[in-house]
Amino acid sequence: QVQLVESGGGLVQAGASLRLSCVVSGRTFSSYAMGWFRQAPGKEREFVAHINWSGDSTLYAASVKGRFTISRDNAKNTVFLQMDSLKPEDTAVYYCAGSSKPHTTVVFASTREYIYEYWGQGTQVTVSS
């Protein structure tokens, strides 16, 4: 059974940084594409960032590009989201997600929730102004 556990959320002021981590149980983590999504109060969950299985391809939502960085350490079964220059509008619950689907499928829909079959419980990020 695959489990995803996020950590690293918290309350920070605008302009600060946070680093989220997501540890994935299971022996096939290195073959999973991974993503981060977020859901703000009263809003639908939205795509934030994606990284392919090897870590050499990433994709970001326009709202976070240039401020957030997704990375992974396959030896530690962990994916990270480095968040810099945080803004109040970044306040949300952040979810880690994993996909075991073939690369040829994921590559065309990496921003879509349905591609990811494994989800964490989420970690709260609150940015005050």
Protein backbone atom coordinates (compact mmCIF):
# COMPACT_ATOMS: atom_id res chain seq x y z
CA GLN A 1 0.00 0.00 0.00
CA VAL A 2 1.35 3.40 -0.97
CA GLN A 3 1.13 6.19 1.59
CA LEU A 4 2.11 9.83 1.22
CA VAL A 5 2.85 11.97 4.26
CA GLU A 6 3.40 15.71 3.91
CA SER A 7 5.18 17.94 6.39
CA GLY A 8 6.72 21.40 6.61
CA GLY A 9 3.66 23.60 6.55
CA GLY A 10 3.15 26.46 8.96
CA LEU A 11 2.39 30.14 9.50
CA VAL A 12 4.78 32.63 7.97
CA GLN A 13 4.82 36.27 6.95
CA ALA A 14 4.69 37.44 3.36
CA GLY A 15 8.09 37.21 1.71
CA ALA A 16 9.21 34.26 3.80
CA SER A 17 10.10 30.76 2.65
CA LEU A 18 8.90 27.29 3.50
CA ARG A 19 9.99 23.85 2.35
CA LEU A 20 7.37 21.15 2.15
CA SER A 21 8.33 17.49 2.17
CA CYS A 22 6.37 14.44 1.13
CA VAL A 23 7.61 11.00 2.11
CA VAL A 24 6.23 8.13 0.06
CA SER A 25 6.10 4.57 1.29
CA GLY A 26 6.59 1.79 -1.20
CA ARG A 27 9.42 0.37 -3.21
CA THR A 28 8.50 1.90 -6.57
CA PHE A 29 8.64 5.60 -5.66
CA SER A 30 11.42 6.20 -8.16
CA SER A 31 9.06 5.26 -10.99
CA TYR A 32 6.26 7.63 -9.91
CA ALA A 33 5.57 11.03 -11.31
CA MET A 34 4.84 13.39 -8.43
CA GLY A 35 2.83 16.54 -8.06
CA TRP A 36 1.82 19.20 -5.60
CA PHE A 37 -1.67 20.67 -5.49
CA ARG A 38 -3.29 23.17 -3.15
CA GLN A 39 -6.75 24.12 -1.99
CA ALA A 40 -7.55 27.51 -0.54
CA PRO A 41 -10.68 28.07 1.58
CA GLY A 42 -13.77 28.20 -0.57
CA LYS A 43 -11.87 27.30 -3.73
CA GLU A 44 -11.29 24.19 -5.78
CA ARG A 45 -8.06 22.30 -5.53
CA GLU A 46 -5.52 23.52 -8.07
CA PHE A 47 -2.29 22.31 -9.62
CA VAL A 48 0.95 23.76 -8.29
CA ALA A 49 3.89 21.74 -9.61
CA HIS A 50 4.88 18.44 -11.21
CA ILE A 51 8.08 16.46 -11.48
CA ASN A 52 8.69 13.38 -13.59
CA TRP A 53 10.08 10.10 -12.27
CA SER A 54 13.73 10.99 -12.86
CA GLY A 55 13.52 14.61 -11.74
CA ASP A 56 14.75 16.07 -15.02
CA SER A 57 11.41 17.49 -16.08
CA THR A 58 9.27 19.89 -14.07
CA LEU A 59 6.16 21.95 -14.64
CA TYR A 60 4.68 24.81 -12.64
CA ALA A 61 1.47 26.75 -12.41
CA ALA A 62 1.88 30.29 -13.70
CA SER A 63 1.04 31.68 -10.26
CA VAL A 64 4.07 30.04 -8.62
CA LYS A 65 6.61 29.85 -11.44
CA GLY A 66 9.85 31.52 -10.44
CA ARG A 67 9.00 31.33 -6.72
CA PHE A 68 8.45 27.62 -6.10
CA THR A 69 10.78 24.73 -6.90
CA ILE A 70 9.84 21.07 -6.95
CA SER A 71 12.52 18.43 -6.51
CA ARG A 72 12.88 14.82 -5.46
CA ASP A 73 15.30 12.48 -3.76
CA ASN A 74 14.56 8.98 -4.98
CA ALA A 75 17.00 7.46 -2.50
CA LYS A 76 14.87 8.88 0.32
CA ASN A 77 11.46 8.39 -1.31
CA THR A 78 10.83 12.08 -0.84
CA VAL A 79 9.56 14.94 -2.97
CA PHE A 80 10.03 18.55 -1.93
CA LEU A 81 8.39 21.87 -2.66
CA GLN A 82 10.60 24.86 -1.90
CA MET A 83 8.40 27.93 -1.62
CA ASP A 84 10.08 31.34 -1.68
CA SER A 85 8.68 34.86 -1.69
CA LEU A 86 5.44 33.61 -0.25
CA LYS A 87 2.31 35.71 -0.69
CA PRO A 88 -0.95 35.74 1.26
CA GLU A 89 -2.65 34.23 -1.79
CA ASP A 90 -0.46 31.14 -1.36
CA THR A 91 -2.41 30.32 1.79
CA ALA A 92 -3.92 26.86 1.31
CA VAL A 93 -3.73 23.23 2.25
CA TYR A 94 -0.98 21.70 0.14
CA TYR A 95 -1.33 18.12 -1.09
CA CYS A 96 1.31 15.78 -2.41
CA ALA A 97 0.20 13.38 -5.15
CA GLY A 98 1.76 10.44 -6.94
CA SER A 99 1.12 8.72 -10.25
CA SER A 100 2.25 5.28 -11.32
CA LYS A 101 0.80 5.71 -14.79
CA PRO A 102 3.14 5.43 -17.78
CA HIS A 103 5.14 8.50 -18.71
CA THR A 104 3.42 8.62 -22.08
CA THR A 105 0.11 9.12 -20.27
CA VAL A 106 1.28 11.47 -17.54
CA VAL A 107 3.17 13.82 -19.82
CA PHE A 108 -0.03 15.03 -21.49
CA ALA A 109 -2.03 15.55 -18.30
CA SER A 110 0.41 16.26 -15.51
CA THR A 111 -1.64 19.20 -14.25
CA ARG A 112 -4.84 17.14 -13.92
CA GLU A 113 -5.87 15.52 -10.66
CA TYR A 114 -7.15 12.32 -12.31
CA ILE A 115 -3.63 11.35 -13.33
CA TYR A 116 -2.61 10.92 -9.70
CA GLU A 117 -3.96 7.89 -7.84
CA TYR A 118 -2.09 8.45 -4.56
CA TRP A 119 -2.71 11.45 -2.32
CA GLY A 120 -1.48 12.68 1.02
CA GLN A 121 -3.61 14.21 3.76
CA GLY A 122 -2.30 17.70 3.19
CA THR A 123 -0.34 20.28 5.17
CA GLN A 124 -1.56 23.78 5.97
CA VAL A 125 0.39 26.77 4.74
CA THR A 126 -0.71 30.17 6.00
CA VAL A 127 0.92 33.38 4.81
CA SER A 128 0.10 36.56 6.68
CA SER A 129 0.38 40.02 5.16
